[in-house]
């Protein structure tokens, strides 16, 4: 079979401080009609940059692209000018980006944006109006009530719905090749499963080739026919997906597979990619032998854990948001984000909180800290009802209960150095007044989370996503809390960095006896981290049980649905 796209010796360089640095070092690959090529690797491996280079979407002032050829149906598009490439982009090669919210204009309705793309591509059938074309596309990607979605703004849609709008936009001209760049990373498992199914169905219908870029080998196993593994701008391994996943040859590939939390057994800690590159780990059997937690050990630990008095009791908690209409703002209904929720959390426990987007898990976490005011119910922390605290008492409570948010960049002030950001909670809570001692404490925290003292004066933009998340953890530790709520704190990280952060959280828990409420849509991560798991749906608890019991024998149909949706290297 002849490939639709053939990339030969692609090199990409970027200019930094007036010097050129090569980021992609001469890679080759092919894409075939009706087949999917998976490209995997850590952030910075060159997988997205390579495909942006193919599309000529890199800033020419700051980048250089060298290649023997990039053949699209035997035409070398690397030699095309801007006018020629405008006929390629969207019409022959379309691209879906990772974050649909940044790709959709927030001030225009979804239908209008796709309709403009329809007009540009001039793909309207005879007698068909642009609006009709868009609604047909929305129906094709299985958006509910496409006529309603047409008139909605991006912020009014869920993550899965926004991603479907982007898919519809990409499919306007029935492209020969679809490049999907991390299209499911921020989606919960059920929506992710739907998106992957949709892409496969559309591919079969149109016979298009697909490049699927991801850091998640579990997702690759679900959708890709062939896979290439990239590390530091080089392809380290390539082949059929099942062969690569079942019998990886390169240590880097073995590391990527192994640092993903397993679904069928528990590990004391996750191995990391560097350990494979250094030759510490050889295979899965060695990891299981040295790091696996035995059932007897877990049972003994839980028996001791649950013999204590709970540090936190949530009783009949409700957080409702009124819906109003009319001149006088009359309340006609409520959004019941958290609806009559009750559970206990024990000292030293990690309580996992899972569910689809919109189930109420984040609102619950924020309600516990009173970042969102509950409508009714009780939050008992160390015997005191948090819902009745005044400002002074609430301030004292937040010394003991902290939160680590999902997006570390937006939760860090870009104008504050890292040292200032970590020290800020100490100033707010009057924990360490002496400036010298405060700096010593910050430096200690930096080392505690695996960063360097020299990072003190640097700013958030100078750090990677994983490093910024470590900074946020250090900031939460600054006030010596007892309870830490981790709200999707690793969901945006690639699997290798994720493993490092999860190991860090577990080590800190062991060293300082922290109590965690761990909120996530990633069930494999939740199982690895949690002692017990709470499953939420529509603001209510559907099931609560010890993690292993819940995953091995779920009792609720919704829980079964979540577990069945997990992509797997099982």
Protein backbone atom coordinates (compact mmCIF):
# COMPACT_ATOMS: atom_id res chain seq x y z
CA UNK A 1 0.00 0.00 0.00
CA UNK A 2 1.28 3.46 -0.92
CA UNK A 3 1.29 6.08 1.90
CA UNK A 4 -0.77 9.27 1.68
CA UNK A 5 1.93 11.13 3.60
CA UNK A 6 5.64 10.32 3.70
CA UNK A 7 8.00 12.38 5.86
CA UNK A 8 11.71 12.07 5.10
CA UNK A 9 14.49 13.29 7.40
CA UNK A 10 12.53 16.09 9.10
CA UNK A 11 14.61 18.46 11.27
CA UNK A 12 13.25 21.40 13.28
CA UNK A 13 15.37 24.05 15.03
CA UNK A 14 14.45 26.98 17.26
CA UNK A 15 16.29 30.22 17.97
CA UNK A 16 17.08 31.01 21.62
CA UNK A 17 19.45 33.79 22.71
CA UNK A 18 20.54 34.25 19.09
CA UNK A 19 21.59 30.60 18.86
CA UNK A 20 19.85 27.83 16.92
CA UNK A 21 19.05 24.59 18.73
CA UNK A 22 17.78 21.50 16.96
CA UNK A 23 14.66 20.05 18.59
CA UNK A 24 13.75 17.36 16.04
CA UNK A 25 16.66 15.36 14.67
CA UNK A 26 15.82 13.87 11.29
CA UNK A 27 12.71 11.72 11.72
CA UNK A 28 10.90 9.59 9.11
CA UNK A 29 7.38 8.18 9.09
CA UNK A 30 4.45 7.34 6.81
CA UNK A 31 0.67 7.65 7.11
CA UNK A 32 -1.70 5.33 5.20
CA UNK A 33 -5.34 5.70 4.17
CA UNK A 34 -7.76 4.26 6.72
CA UNK A 35 -5.03 3.69 9.31
CA UNK A 36 -3.89 5.54 12.43
CA UNK A 37 -0.31 6.34 13.34
CA UNK A 38 0.16 6.99 17.07
CA UNK A 39 2.99 9.31 18.12
CA UNK A 40 3.86 9.05 21.82
CA UNK A 41 6.42 10.61 24.09
CA UNK A 42 6.83 13.02 26.97
CA UNK A 43 6.25 16.76 26.72
CA UNK A 44 9.17 18.23 24.80
CA UNK A 45 9.86 15.05 22.85
CA UNK A 46 9.05 16.79 19.55
CA UNK A 47 5.81 15.03 18.65
CA UNK A 48 3.61 18.15 18.33
CA UNK A 49 6.40 20.29 16.85
CA UNK A 50 6.95 17.75 14.07
CA UNK A 51 3.35 17.92 12.95
CA UNK A 52 3.15 21.71 13.21
CA UNK A 53 6.22 21.76 10.96
CA UNK A 54 4.45 19.56 8.43
CA UNK A 55 1.55 22.03 8.41
CA UNK A 56 3.99 25.01 8.25
CA UNK A 57 2.36 26.49 11.35
CA UNK A 58 5.58 27.33 13.22
CA UNK A 59 6.77 30.93 13.52
CA UNK A 60 9.29 31.32 10.70
CA UNK A 61 11.14 34.04 12.57
CA UNK A 62 11.97 31.70 15.43
CA UNK A 63 12.11 28.29 13.74
CA UNK A 64 13.83 26.52 10.87
CA UNK A 65 12.53 23.44 9.09
CA UNK A 66 14.84 21.20 7.05
CA UNK A 67 13.71 18.04 5.29
CA UNK A 68 14.55 15.90 2.29
CA UNK A 69 10.83 15.87 1.46
CA UNK A 70 7.31 15.80 2.89
CA UNK A 71 5.28 13.98 0.27
CA UNK A 72 1.50 14.34 0.22
CA UNK A 73 0.22 12.18 -2.62
CA UNK A 74 3.71 12.44 -4.19
CA UNK A 75 3.66 16.26 -3.98
CA UNK A 76 6.45 17.73 -1.86
CA UNK A 77 4.54 20.18 0.35
CA UNK A 78 7.74 21.25 2.11
CA UNK A 79 8.44 23.34 -1.02
CA UNK A 80 4.96 24.91 -1.08
CA UNK A 81 4.49 28.64 -0.57
CA UNK A 82 1.80 30.19 1.67
CA UNK A 83 -0.86 30.20 -1.06
CA UNK A 84 -0.24 26.56 -1.90
CA UNK A 85 -0.26 25.56 1.79
CA UNK A 86 -3.58 27.33 2.33
CA UNK A 87 -5.07 24.81 -0.10
CA UNK A 88 -3.54 21.97 1.92
CA UNK A 89 -4.52 23.09 5.42
CA UNK A 90 -8.07 22.13 6.28
CA UNK A 91 -8.81 20.70 2.83
CA UNK A 92 -6.26 17.89 2.64
CA UNK A 93 -4.74 17.89 6.13
CA UNK A 94 -6.85 19.00 9.11
CA UNK A 95 -5.78 19.36 12.72
CA UNK A 96 -7.56 19.05 16.08
CA UNK A 97 -5.72 20.79 18.90
CA UNK A 98 -5.48 19.65 22.52
CA UNK A 99 -7.43 22.46 24.19
CA UNK A 100 -10.60 23.36 22.28
CA UNK A 101 -11.28 26.44 24.44
CA UNK A 102 -8.13 28.12 23.14
CA UNK A 103 -9.01 27.16 19.56
CA UNK A 104 -12.57 28.49 19.70
CA UNK A 105 -13.21 32.23 19.86
CA UNK A 106 -15.12 32.88 23.11
CA UNK A 107 -17.03 35.89 21.67
CA UNK A 108 -18.62 34.02 18.76
CA UNK A 109 -21.24 31.30 18.80
CA UNK A 110 -20.05 27.81 17.90
CA UNK A 111 -22.25 27.55 14.82
CA UNK A 112 -21.01 30.86 13.41
CA UNK A 113 -17.35 29.82 13.82
CA UNK A 114 -17.85 26.52 12.02
CA UNK A 115 -20.00 28.23 9.38
CA UNK A 116 -17.14 30.64 8.61
CA UNK A 117 -14.86 27.65 8.15
CA UNK A 118 -17.45 26.10 5.79
CA UNK A 119 -17.49 29.28 3.69
CA UNK A 120 -13.67 29.39 3.54
CA UNK A 121 -13.44 25.80 2.42
CA UNK A 122 -16.25 26.24 -0.12
CA UNK A 123 -17.54 22.76 0.44
CA UNK A 124 -21.26 23.47 0.47
CA UNK A 125 -23.27 21.04 -1.62
CA UNK A 126 -25.47 22.39 -4.34
CA UNK A 127 -28.55 23.93 -2.80
CA UNK A 128 -27.29 23.50 0.77
CA UNK A 129 -26.92 26.56 2.98
CA UNK A 130 -23.92 27.02 5.31
CA UNK A 131 -26.08 26.68 8.42
CA UNK A 132 -27.56 23.42 7.17
CA UNK A 133 -24.06 22.12 6.44
CA UNK A 134 -22.91 22.95 9.99
CA UNK A 135 -25.94 21.34 11.65
CA UNK A 136 -25.34 18.22 9.53
CA UNK A 137 -21.72 18.18 10.72
CA UNK A 138 -22.82 18.60 14.36
CA UNK A 139 -25.22 15.70 13.89
CA UNK A 140 -22.43 13.64 12.30
CA UNK A 141 -20.19 14.06 15.36
CA UNK A 142 -23.14 13.15 17.60
CA UNK A 143 -23.60 16.46 19.33
CA UNK A 144 -26.93 16.47 21.23
CA UNK A 145 -29.51 18.92 19.89
CA UNK A 146 -27.27 20.28 17.08
CA UNK A 147 -29.66 23.17 16.37
CA UNK A 148 -29.29 24.30 19.99
CA UNK A 149 -25.48 23.84 20.02
CA UNK A 150 -25.29 26.00 16.89
CA UNK A 151 -26.44 29.05 18.91
CA UNK A 152 -24.34 28.41 22.01
CA UNK A 153 -21.06 30.04 22.98
CA UNK A 154 -18.01 27.82 23.73
CA UNK A 155 -18.20 28.45 27.48
CA UNK A 156 -21.72 27.01 27.53
CA UNK A 157 -20.52 23.60 26.34
CA UNK A 158 -18.82 20.77 28.20
CA UNK A 159 -15.25 19.74 27.38
CA UNK A 160 -16.44 16.80 25.32
CA UNK A 161 -18.93 18.95 23.40
CA UNK A 162 -16.28 21.59 22.60
CA UNK A 163 -13.97 18.85 21.36
CA UNK A 164 -16.75 17.53 19.09
CA UNK A 165 -17.21 21.04 17.65
CA UNK A 166 -13.49 21.09 16.83
CA UNK A 167 -13.77 17.66 15.19
CA UNK A 168 -16.71 18.91 13.12
CA UNK A 169 -14.66 21.91 12.01
CA UNK A 170 -11.75 19.64 11.05
CA UNK A 171 -14.01 17.37 8.98
CA UNK A 172 -15.57 20.12 6.85
CA UNK A 173 -13.71 19.20 3.68
CA UNK A 174 -13.33 15.44 4.26
CA UNK A 175 -9.54 15.71 4.69
CA UNK A 176 -7.24 12.92 3.59
CA UNK A 177 -5.31 13.18 6.85
CA UNK A 178 -6.49 14.21 10.31
CA UNK A 179 -3.89 15.21 12.91
CA UNK A 180 -5.31 14.86 16.43
CA UNK A 181 -2.98 16.51 18.96
CA UNK A 182 -3.80 15.27 22.49
CA UNK A 183 -7.57 15.57 21.81
CA UNK A 184 -8.63 13.57 24.88
CA UNK A 185 -6.06 14.54 27.55
CA UNK A 186 -8.32 16.76 29.66
CA UNK A 187 -11.49 14.67 29.21
CA UNK A 188 -12.96 12.21 31.68
CA UNK A 189 -12.87 8.51 30.78
CA UNK A 190 -16.43 8.20 29.45
CA UNK A 191 -16.16 11.25 27.18
CA UNK A 192 -12.70 10.09 26.10
CA UNK A 193 -14.12 6.71 25.12
CA UNK A 194 -16.87 8.42 23.09
CA UNK A 195 -14.37 10.69 21.27
CA UNK A 196 -12.08 7.76 20.40
CA UNK A 197 -15.06 5.75 19.13
CA UNK A 198 -16.25 8.72 17.08
CA UNK A 199 -12.84 9.26 15.48
CA UNK A 200 -12.60 5.59 14.51
CA UNK A 201 -16.10 5.62 13.01
CA UNK A 202 -15.40 8.79 11.01
CA UNK A 203 -12.12 7.33 9.81
CA UNK A 204 -13.83 4.17 8.58
CA UNK A 205 -16.54 6.23 6.89
CA UNK A 206 -14.14 8.58 5.08
CA UNK A 207 -11.07 6.36 4.70
CA UNK A 208 -8.81 9.09 6.00
CA UNK A 209 -5.38 8.56 7.51
CA UNK A 210 -4.90 9.80 11.06
CA UNK A 211 -1.97 10.92 13.19
CA UNK A 212 -2.87 10.64 16.88
CA UNK A 213 -0.47 12.46 19.21
CA UNK A 214 -0.59 11.55 22.89
CA UNK A 215 1.50 10.77 25.96
CA UNK A 216 -0.94 8.05 27.05
CA UNK A 217 -0.05 4.59 25.76
CA UNK A 218 -3.40 3.32 27.05
CA UNK A 219 -5.18 5.59 24.56
CA UNK A 220 -2.76 4.53 21.81
CA UNK A 221 -3.69 0.91 22.42
CA UNK A 222 -7.32 1.79 21.74
CA UNK A 223 -6.95 3.73 18.49
CA UNK A 224 -3.57 3.30 16.74
CA UNK A 225 -2.53 0.68 14.16
CA UNK A 226 1.13 1.67 14.18
CA UNK A 227 3.06 3.70 16.76
CA UNK A 228 6.30 5.65 16.91
CA UNK A 229 7.90 6.53 20.24
CA UNK A 230 9.77 9.84 20.41
CA UNK A 231 12.30 11.03 22.97
CA UNK A 232 14.27 14.28 22.73
CA UNK A 233 13.45 14.75 19.06
CA UNK A 234 14.42 11.23 17.99
CA UNK A 235 12.30 8.18 17.13
CA UNK A 236 13.56 5.51 19.55
CA UNK A 237 11.10 2.78 18.55
CA UNK A 238 8.47 2.16 15.87
CA UNK A 239 6.24 -0.69 14.81
CA UNK A 240 2.77 -2.22 15.07
CA UNK A 241 0.97 -1.04 18.19
CA UNK A 242 0.35 -4.47 19.72
CA UNK A 243 3.98 -5.48 19.18
CA UNK A 244 5.35 -2.30 20.78
CA UNK A 245 3.04 -2.49 23.80
CA UNK A 246 3.38 -6.24 24.35
CA UNK A 247 7.13 -6.43 23.79
CA UNK A 248 8.83 -3.00 23.98
CA UNK A 249 12.53 -3.08 23.17
CA UNK A 250 13.80 0.38 24.06
CA UNK A 251 14.21 1.29 27.76
CA UNK A 252 12.38 4.58 27.16
CA UNK A 253 9.31 2.77 25.82
CA UNK A 254 9.42 0.33 28.73
CA UNK A 255 9.53 3.31 31.10
CA UNK A 256 6.54 5.04 29.49
CA UNK A 257 4.47 1.87 29.79
CA UNK A 258 5.53 1.10 33.36
CA UNK A 259 5.10 4.57 34.89
CA UNK A 260 1.39 4.41 34.14
CA UNK A 261 -0.42 3.09 37.26
CA UNK A 262 -1.41 -0.57 36.73
CA UNK A 263 -5.06 -1.57 37.01
CA UNK A 264 -4.67 -5.11 38.30
CA UNK A 265 -2.29 -4.68 41.24
CA UNK A 266 -0.89 -2.04 43.61
CA UNK A 267 2.64 -0.68 43.76
CA UNK A 268 4.43 0.95 46.66
CA UNK A 269 5.57 3.63 44.22
CA UNK A 270 5.56 4.10 40.46
CA UNK A 271 8.76 3.47 38.49
CA UNK A 272 9.91 6.45 36.42
CA UNK A 273 11.36 6.66 32.93
CA UNK A 274 14.82 7.74 34.11
CA UNK A 275 15.19 4.53 36.12
CA UNK A 276 14.70 2.49 32.94
CA UNK A 277 17.20 4.62 31.03
CA UNK A 278 19.67 4.14 33.89
CA UNK A 279 19.16 0.37 33.80
CA UNK A 280 17.59 0.07 37.28
CA UNK A 281 14.50 -1.73 35.97
CA UNK A 282 14.51 -4.39 33.28
CA UNK A 283 10.95 -5.64 33.02
CA UNK A 284 7.48 -5.75 34.60
CA UNK A 285 8.21 -8.91 36.58
CA UNK A 286 11.09 -7.22 38.39
CA UNK A 287 8.86 -4.24 39.27
CA UNK A 288 6.09 -6.51 40.58
CA UNK A 289 8.58 -8.47 42.71
CA UNK A 290 10.19 -5.43 44.31
CA UNK A 291 7.41 -2.82 44.48
CA UNK A 292 4.12 -4.73 44.69
CA UNK A 293 2.10 -4.25 47.89
CA UNK A 294 0.79 -7.54 49.26
CA UNK A 295 -2.87 -7.80 50.28
CA UNK A 296 -1.97 -8.69 53.86
CA UNK A 297 0.10 -5.50 54.19
CA UNK A 298 -2.75 -3.38 52.82
CA UNK A 299 -5.37 -5.00 55.09
CA UNK A 300 -3.22 -4.46 58.19
CA UNK A 301 -2.65 -0.80 57.24
CA UNK A 302 -6.36 -0.15 56.68
CA UNK A 303 -7.32 -1.84 59.95
CA UNK A 304 -5.06 0.56 61.82
CA UNK A 305 -6.16 3.56 59.69
CA UNK A 306 -9.90 3.13 60.29
CA UNK A 307 -9.57 2.48 64.02
CA UNK A 308 -8.96 6.24 64.47
CA UNK A 309 -11.42 9.06 64.96
CA UNK A 310 -12.15 10.82 61.60
CA UNK A 311 -10.31 14.09 61.02
CA UNK A 312 -13.15 15.26 58.73
CA UNK A 313 -16.89 14.48 58.76
CA UNK A 314 -19.09 15.71 55.92
CA UNK A 315 -22.74 15.41 56.86
CA UNK A 316 -25.71 15.96 54.51
CA UNK A 317 -23.79 18.64 52.61
CA UNK A 318 -25.63 20.56 49.90
CA UNK A 319 -24.27 23.21 47.56
CA UNK A 320 -27.06 24.47 45.31
CA UNK A 321 -26.94 27.33 42.83
CA UNK A 322 -30.22 29.21 42.18
CA UNK A 323 -31.51 29.70 38.64
CA UNK A 324 -33.28 33.03 38.30
CA UNK A 325 -35.39 34.75 35.65
CA UNK A 326 -37.54 37.81 35.24
CA UNK A 327 -37.01 41.46 36.16
CA UNK A 328 -36.90 40.68 39.87
CA UNK A 329 -34.65 37.66 39.53
CA UNK A 330 -37.17 35.15 40.83
CA UNK A 331 -35.63 31.75 41.61
CA UNK A 332 -37.39 29.05 39.60
CA UNK A 333 -34.99 26.12 40.09
CA UNK A 334 -31.57 25.06 41.42
CA UNK A 335 -28.42 23.47 40.06
CA UNK A 336 -27.73 20.80 42.68
CA UNK A 337 -23.93 20.56 42.35
CA UNK A 338 -23.57 18.81 45.70
CA UNK A 339 -26.74 17.15 46.92
CA UNK A 340 -26.96 15.57 50.38
CA UNK A 341 -23.41 14.18 50.53
CA UNK A 342 -22.04 12.45 53.65
CA UNK A 343 -18.70 10.71 54.31
CA UNK A 344 -15.78 10.58 56.77
CA UNK A 345 -12.05 11.03 56.18
CA UNK A 346 -9.49 9.50 58.54
CA UNK A 347 -6.06 10.91 59.55
CA UNK A 348 -3.40 9.73 57.12
CA UNK A 349 -5.98 8.49 54.60
CA UNK A 350 -6.16 9.29 50.90
CA UNK A 351 -9.82 9.46 49.88
CA UNK A 352 -10.29 9.37 46.11
CA UNK A 353 -13.16 11.34 44.60
CA UNK A 354 -14.13 10.36 41.04
CA UNK A 355 -16.84 10.99 38.51
CA UNK A 356 -17.47 12.59 35.14
CA UNK A 357 -17.07 16.31 34.57
CA UNK A 358 -19.99 18.14 36.15
CA UNK A 359 -20.67 15.47 38.79
CA UNK A 360 -19.88 17.91 41.62
CA UNK A 361 -16.51 16.62 42.83
CA UNK A 362 -14.64 19.94 42.46
CA UNK A 363 -17.53 21.88 44.02
CA UNK A 364 -17.47 19.42 46.91
CA UNK A 365 -13.74 19.98 47.44
CA UNK A 366 -14.15 23.75 47.39
CA UNK A 367 -17.19 23.56 49.69
CA UNK A 368 -15.13 21.67 52.28
CA UNK A 369 -12.69 24.60 52.35
CA UNK A 370 -15.56 27.10 52.11
CA UNK A 371 -14.11 28.57 48.94
CA UNK A 372 -17.69 27.95 47.84
CA UNK A 373 -20.34 28.48 50.50
CA UNK A 374 -22.47 25.37 51.14
CA UNK A 375 -26.25 25.73 51.13
CA UNK A 376 -26.75 23.41 54.11
CA UNK A 377 -25.19 20.53 55.99
CA UNK A 378 -22.17 20.20 58.26
CA UNK A 379 -18.39 20.04 57.74
CA UNK A 380 -16.83 18.79 60.97
CA UNK A 381 -13.04 19.24 61.10
CA UNK A 382 -11.40 17.93 64.27
CA UNK A 383 -14.71 18.18 66.10
CA UNK A 384 -15.63 21.73 65.00
CA UNK A 385 -18.32 22.70 62.46
CA UNK A 386 -16.58 24.66 59.70
CA UNK A 387 -19.91 25.95 58.34
CA UNK A 388 -20.32 28.07 61.48
CA UNK A 389 -16.84 29.60 61.48
CA UNK A 390 -16.48 33.39 61.38
CA UNK A 391 -13.73 35.04 59.31
CA UNK A 392 -11.10 34.66 62.03
CA UNK A 393 -11.91 31.00 62.65
CA UNK A 394 -12.06 30.31 58.91
CA UNK A 395 -8.62 31.82 58.45
CA UNK A 396 -7.25 29.56 61.18
CA UNK A 397 -8.97 26.53 59.60
CA UNK A 398 -7.26 27.18 56.26
CA UNK A 399 -3.89 26.87 57.94
CA UNK A 400 -4.80 23.23 58.46
CA UNK A 401 -6.64 22.60 55.18
CA UNK A 402 -5.04 23.50 51.84
CA UNK A 403 -5.77 22.86 48.15
CA UNK A 404 -3.60 22.11 45.11
CA UNK A 405 -5.42 23.18 41.94
CA UNK A 406 -5.47 21.52 38.52
CA UNK A 407 -3.67 24.24 36.57
CA UNK A 408 -0.47 25.25 38.37
CA UNK A 409 0.23 28.14 36.01
CA UNK A 410 -3.06 29.97 36.57
CA UNK A 411 -2.78 29.46 40.33
CA UNK A 412 0.69 31.08 40.46
CA UNK A 413 1.12 34.86 40.16
CA UNK A 414 3.36 35.39 37.07
CA UNK A 415 4.78 38.56 38.67
CA UNK A 416 5.90 36.80 41.85
CA UNK A 417 9.10 34.78 42.08
CA UNK A 418 8.80 31.18 43.19
CA UNK A 419 10.25 32.02 46.57
CA UNK A 420 7.70 34.80 47.10
CA UNK A 421 4.82 32.52 46.01
CA UNK A 422 5.78 29.79 48.49
CA UNK A 423 6.38 32.31 51.29
CA UNK A 424 3.06 34.11 50.76
CA UNK A 425 0.90 31.68 52.85
CA UNK A 426 3.32 32.11 55.76
CA UNK A 427 2.84 35.88 55.60
CA UNK A 428 -0.94 35.58 55.31
CA UNK A 429 -1.17 33.29 58.33
CA UNK A 430 1.59 34.96 60.40
CA UNK A 431 3.50 31.70 60.67
CA UNK A 432 7.03 32.98 60.19
CA UNK A 433 7.57 36.74 60.64
CA UNK A 434 11.38 36.74 60.48
CA UNK A 435 12.39 37.18 56.81
CA UNK A 436 15.60 35.14 57.13
CA UNK A 437 13.85 32.17 58.75
CA UNK A 438 11.04 32.43 56.22
CA UNK A 439 13.53 32.17 53.36
CA UNK A 440 15.21 29.20 55.04
CA UNK A 441 11.80 27.51 55.30
CA UNK A 442 11.10 28.15 51.58
CA UNK A 443 14.48 26.71 50.59
CA UNK A 444 13.76 23.66 52.73
CA UNK A 445 10.38 23.20 51.00
CA UNK A 446 11.97 23.53 47.53
CA UNK A 447 14.35 20.69 48.36
CA UNK A 448 11.49 18.69 49.91
CA UNK A 449 9.56 18.68 46.61
CA UNK A 450 12.61 17.90 44.47
CA UNK A 451 13.51 21.42 43.30
CA UNK A 452 16.71 23.42 43.80
CA UNK A 453 17.39 26.30 46.17
CA UNK A 454 18.69 28.23 43.15
CA UNK A 455 15.11 28.28 41.81
CA UNK A 456 14.10 30.75 44.55
CA UNK A 457 14.36 33.87 42.37
CA UNK A 458 12.96 32.38 39.19
CA UNK A 459 9.42 32.96 37.85
CA UNK A 460 6.61 30.50 36.95
CA UNK A 461 7.09 30.77 33.18
CA UNK A 462 10.65 29.43 33.56
CA UNK A 463 9.42 26.05 34.79
CA UNK A 464 7.82 23.02 33.18
CA UNK A 465 4.29 21.89 34.07
CA UNK A 466 5.56 19.23 36.45
CA UNK A 467 7.90 21.68 38.17
CA UNK A 468 5.09 24.23 38.59
CA UNK A 469 2.92 21.57 40.18
CA UNK A 470 5.74 20.82 42.64
CA UNK A 471 5.87 24.55 43.45
CA UNK A 472 2.13 24.54 44.20
CA UNK A 473 2.60 21.53 46.47
CA UNK A 474 5.44 23.34 48.28
CA UNK A 475 3.19 26.36 48.72
CA UNK A 476 0.46 24.18 50.24
CA UNK A 477 3.03 22.66 52.63
CA UNK A 478 4.25 26.07 53.78
CA UNK A 479 1.59 26.31 56.52
CA UNK A 480 2.06 22.71 57.76
CA UNK A 481 -1.49 21.57 56.88
CA UNK A 482 -3.18 18.41 58.08
CA UNK A 483 -5.58 18.07 55.13
CA UNK A 484 -4.70 18.68 51.46
CA UNK A 485 -7.29 18.61 48.68
CA UNK A 486 -5.69 17.73 45.33
CA UNK A 487 -8.12 18.89 42.64
CA UNK A 488 -7.13 17.25 39.33
CA UNK A 489 -3.58 18.15 40.30
CA UNK A 490 -1.91 15.71 37.86
CA UNK A 491 -4.45 15.48 35.03
CA UNK A 492 -2.60 17.84 32.67
CA UNK A 493 0.81 16.17 33.15
CA UNK A 494 2.32 13.54 30.90
CA UNK A 495 2.61 10.06 32.38
CA UNK A 496 6.28 10.25 33.39
CA UNK A 497 5.96 13.61 35.20
CA UNK A 498 2.66 12.43 36.65
CA UNK A 499 4.43 9.41 38.16
CA UNK A 500 7.02 11.66 39.80
CA UNK A 501 4.36 13.95 41.33
CA UNK A 502 2.28 11.01 42.58
CA UNK A 503 5.36 9.46 44.18
CA UNK A 504 6.14 12.82 45.79
CA UNK A 505 2.61 13.11 47.24
CA UNK A 506 2.82 9.60 48.68
CA UNK A 507 6.26 10.22 50.18
CA UNK A 508 5.09 13.45 51.82
CA UNK A 509 2.03 11.65 53.16
CA UNK A 510 4.23 8.97 54.71
CA UNK A 511 6.75 11.45 56.14
CA UNK A 512 4.26 13.98 57.56
CA UNK A 513 1.05 11.92 57.98
CA UNK A 514 -0.91 14.16 55.61
CA UNK A 515 -4.54 13.43 54.82
CA UNK A 516 -5.55 13.77 51.16
CA UNK A 517 -8.81 14.17 49.31
CA UNK A 518 -7.68 13.25 45.80
CA UNK A 519 -10.05 14.48 43.06
CA UNK A 520 -9.52 13.07 39.57
CA UNK A 521 -11.25 11.70 36.49
CA UNK A 522 -8.35 9.27 35.92
CA UNK A 523 -9.40 6.06 37.65
CA UNK A 524 -6.03 4.32 37.29
CA UNK A 525 -4.38 7.21 39.17
CA UNK A 526 -7.13 7.19 41.80
CA UNK A 527 -6.69 3.46 42.43
CA UNK A 528 -2.94 3.88 42.86
CA UNK A 529 -3.31 6.80 45.28
CA UNK A 530 -6.43 6.01 47.30
CA UNK A 531 -7.29 3.96 50.35
CA UNK A 532 -11.00 4.45 49.69
CA UNK A 533 -12.89 5.86 46.70
CA UNK A 534 -16.07 7.93 46.52
CA UNK A 535 -17.94 7.80 43.19
CA UNK A 536 -20.14 10.81 42.39
CA UNK A 537 -22.84 11.40 39.78
CA UNK A 538 -25.18 14.40 39.51
CA UNK A 539 -24.08 15.76 42.87
CA UNK A 540 -24.76 12.53 44.77
CA UNK A 541 -22.57 9.70 46.05
CA UNK A 542 -23.22 6.53 44.08
CA UNK A 543 -20.74 4.26 45.82
CA UNK A 544 -18.01 4.41 48.46
CA UNK A 545 -15.65 1.55 49.25
CA UNK A 546 -12.03 0.57 49.71
CA UNK A 547 -10.22 1.14 46.44
CA UNK A 548 -9.34 -2.48 45.62
CA UNK A 549 -12.83 -3.73 46.51
CA UNK A 550 -14.47 -1.02 44.41
CA UNK A 551 -12.35 -1.69 41.33
CA UNK A 552 -12.44 -5.47 41.59
CA UNK A 553 -16.15 -5.74 42.37
CA UNK A 554 -18.07 -2.48 41.70
CA UNK A 555 -21.63 -2.57 42.99
CA UNK A 556 -23.11 0.45 41.22
CA UNK A 557 -23.90 0.47 37.48
CA UNK A 558 -22.39 3.94 37.09
CA UNK A 559 -19.14 2.78 38.72
CA UNK A 560 -19.05 -0.18 36.32
CA UNK A 561 -19.52 2.24 33.41
CA UNK A 562 -16.55 4.37 34.54
CA UNK A 563 -14.27 1.34 34.96
CA UNK A 564 -15.33 -0.17 31.62
CA UNK A 565 -14.45 3.13 29.89
CA UNK A 566 -10.81 2.95 31.02
CA UNK A 567 -8.43 2.66 28.06
CA UNK A 568 -5.96 -0.04 28.73
CA UNK A 569 -2.85 -1.53 28.74
CA UNK A 570 -4.43 -3.91 31.24
